[in-house]
Amino acid sequence: MVQEDNDVHASTPFDDNIDDLKEIGVSLIETPINRRGMNPVKDFGLLITYFKMIKKVKHLVESTKL
């Protein structure tokens, strides 16, 4: 998708593997995730974070197309 001149955004916890994504032009959004979590309240909070993130990225993409 990056090679086709598309904006690519990825939500990920930052670790040692993000350098490869940066090199190919992916816009990264740091998202702390508890991979072993079983707390539904925290999971719901993460879902809300994703909705806000999508809304923000969508706005950024739409404003660059003008």
C-alpha atoms as a PDB file:
ATOM      1  CA  MET A   1       0.000   0.000   0.000  1.00  0.00           C
ATOM      2  CA  VAL A   2       2.865   2.360   0.747  1.00  0.00           C
ATOM      3  CA  GLN A   3       4.355   1.603  -2.663  1.00  0.00           C
ATOM      4  CA  GLU A   4       1.058   2.623  -4.265  1.00  0.00           C
ATOM      5  CA  ASP A   5       1.399   6.088  -2.601  1.00  0.00           C
ATOM      6  CA  ASN A   6      -1.263   5.426   0.043  1.00  0.00           C
ATOM      7  CA  ASP A   7      -1.097   6.741   3.595  1.00  0.00           C
ATOM      8  CA  VAL A   8      -0.628   3.746   5.885  1.00  0.00           C
ATOM      9  CA  HIS A   9      -1.143   4.119   9.631  1.00  0.00           C
ATOM     10  CA  ALA A  10      -0.441   1.409  12.206  1.00  0.00           C
ATOM     11  CA  SER A  11      -1.381   1.251  15.861  1.00  0.00           C
ATOM     12  CA  THR A  12       1.203  -0.681  17.819  1.00  0.00           C
ATOM     13  CA  PRO A  13       3.010  -0.771  21.136  1.00  0.00           C
ATOM     14  CA  PHE A  14       6.450   0.653  20.407  1.00  0.00           C
ATOM     15  CA  ASP A  15       9.201  -1.938  20.628  1.00  0.00           C
ATOM     16  CA  ASP A  16      12.329  -2.920  18.726  1.00  0.00           C
ATOM     17  CA  ASN A  17      10.418  -3.919  15.583  1.00  0.00           C
ATOM     18  CA  ILE A  18       9.002  -0.499  14.664  1.00  0.00           C
ATOM     19  CA  ASP A  19      12.112   0.591  12.786  1.00  0.00           C
ATOM     20  CA  ASP A  20      11.216  -1.651   9.841  1.00  0.00           C
ATOM     21  CA  LEU A  21       7.779  -0.066   9.579  1.00  0.00           C
ATOM     22  CA  LYS A  22       9.236   3.442   9.779  1.00  0.00           C
ATOM     23  CA  GLU A  23      11.707   2.641   7.006  1.00  0.00           C
ATOM     24  CA  ILE A  24       8.961   1.749   4.549  1.00  0.00           C
ATOM     25  CA  GLY A  25       6.942   4.879   5.359  1.00  0.00           C
ATOM     26  CA  VAL A  26       4.237   3.674   7.740  1.00  0.00           C
ATOM     27  CA  SER A  27       2.885   6.320  10.139  1.00  0.00           C
ATOM     28  CA  LEU A  28       3.003   4.802  13.614  1.00  0.00           C
ATOM     29  CA  ILE A  29       0.692   5.493  16.511  1.00  0.00           C
ATOM     30  CA  GLU A  30       1.873   4.247  19.882  1.00  0.00           C
ATOM     31  CA  THR A  31      -0.816   2.249  21.641  1.00  0.00           C
ATOM     32  CA  PRO A  32      -0.050   0.628  24.977  1.00  0.00           C
ATOM     33  CA  ILE A  33      -1.638  -2.812  25.069  1.00  0.00           C
ATOM     34  CA  ASN A  34      -1.684  -5.388  27.832  1.00  0.00           C
ATOM     35  CA  ARG A  35      -1.473  -8.561  25.767  1.00  0.00           C
ATOM     36  CA  ARG A  36      -2.326 -10.807  28.699  1.00  0.00           C
ATOM     37  CA  GLY A  37      -5.043  -8.619  30.149  1.00  0.00           C
ATOM     38  CA  MET A  38      -8.393 -10.042  31.120  1.00  0.00           C
ATOM     39  CA  ASN A  39      -9.961  -6.835  32.444  1.00  0.00           C
ATOM     40  CA  PRO A  40     -13.095  -5.933  30.455  1.00  0.00           C
ATOM     41  CA  VAL A  41     -12.999  -2.318  31.673  1.00  0.00           C
ATOM     42  CA  LYS A  42      -9.483  -1.841  30.314  1.00  0.00           C
ATOM     43  CA  ASP A  43     -10.429  -3.632  27.100  1.00  0.00           C
ATOM     44  CA  PHE A  44     -13.377  -1.277  26.667  1.00  0.00           C
ATOM     45  CA  GLY A  45     -11.031   1.654  27.285  1.00  0.00           C
ATOM     46  CA  LEU A  46      -8.760   0.331  24.541  1.00  0.00           C
ATOM     47  CA  LEU A  47     -11.754   0.073  22.202  1.00  0.00           C
ATOM     48  CA  ILE A  48     -12.594   3.730  22.898  1.00  0.00           C
ATOM     49  CA  THR A  49      -8.949   4.617  22.215  1.00  0.00           C
ATOM     50  CA  TYR A  50      -9.176   2.858  18.844  1.00  0.00           C
ATOM     51  CA  PHE A  51     -12.364   4.730  17.915  1.00  0.00           C
ATOM     52  CA  LYS A  52     -10.736   8.073  18.777  1.00  0.00           C
ATOM     53  CA  MET A  53      -7.624   7.104  16.839  1.00  0.00           C
ATOM     54  CA  ILE A  54      -9.620   6.170  13.745  1.00  0.00           C
ATOM     55  CA  LYS A  55     -11.523   9.438  13.912  1.00  0.00           C
ATOM     56  CA  LYS A  56      -8.275  11.430  14.190  1.00  0.00           C
ATOM     57  CA  VAL A  57      -6.562   9.568  11.332  1.00  0.00           C
ATOM     58  CA  LYS A  58      -9.656   9.873   9.164  1.00  0.00           C
ATOM     59  CA  HIS A  59      -9.671  13.627   9.751  1.00  0.00           C
ATOM     60  CA  LEU A  60      -5.960  13.870   8.894  1.00  0.00           C
ATOM     61  CA  VAL A  61      -6.425  11.899   5.680  1.00  0.00           C
ATOM     62  CA  GLU A  62      -9.456  13.937   4.612  1.00  0.00           C
ATOM     63  CA  SER A  63      -7.691  17.245   5.304  1.00  0.00           C
ATOM     64  CA  THR A  64      -4.671  16.253   3.177  1.00  0.00           C
ATOM     65  CA  LYS A  65      -6.888  15.430   0.195  1.00  0.00           C
ATOM     66  CA  LEU A  66      -8.153  19.011  -0.066  1.00  0.00           C
END
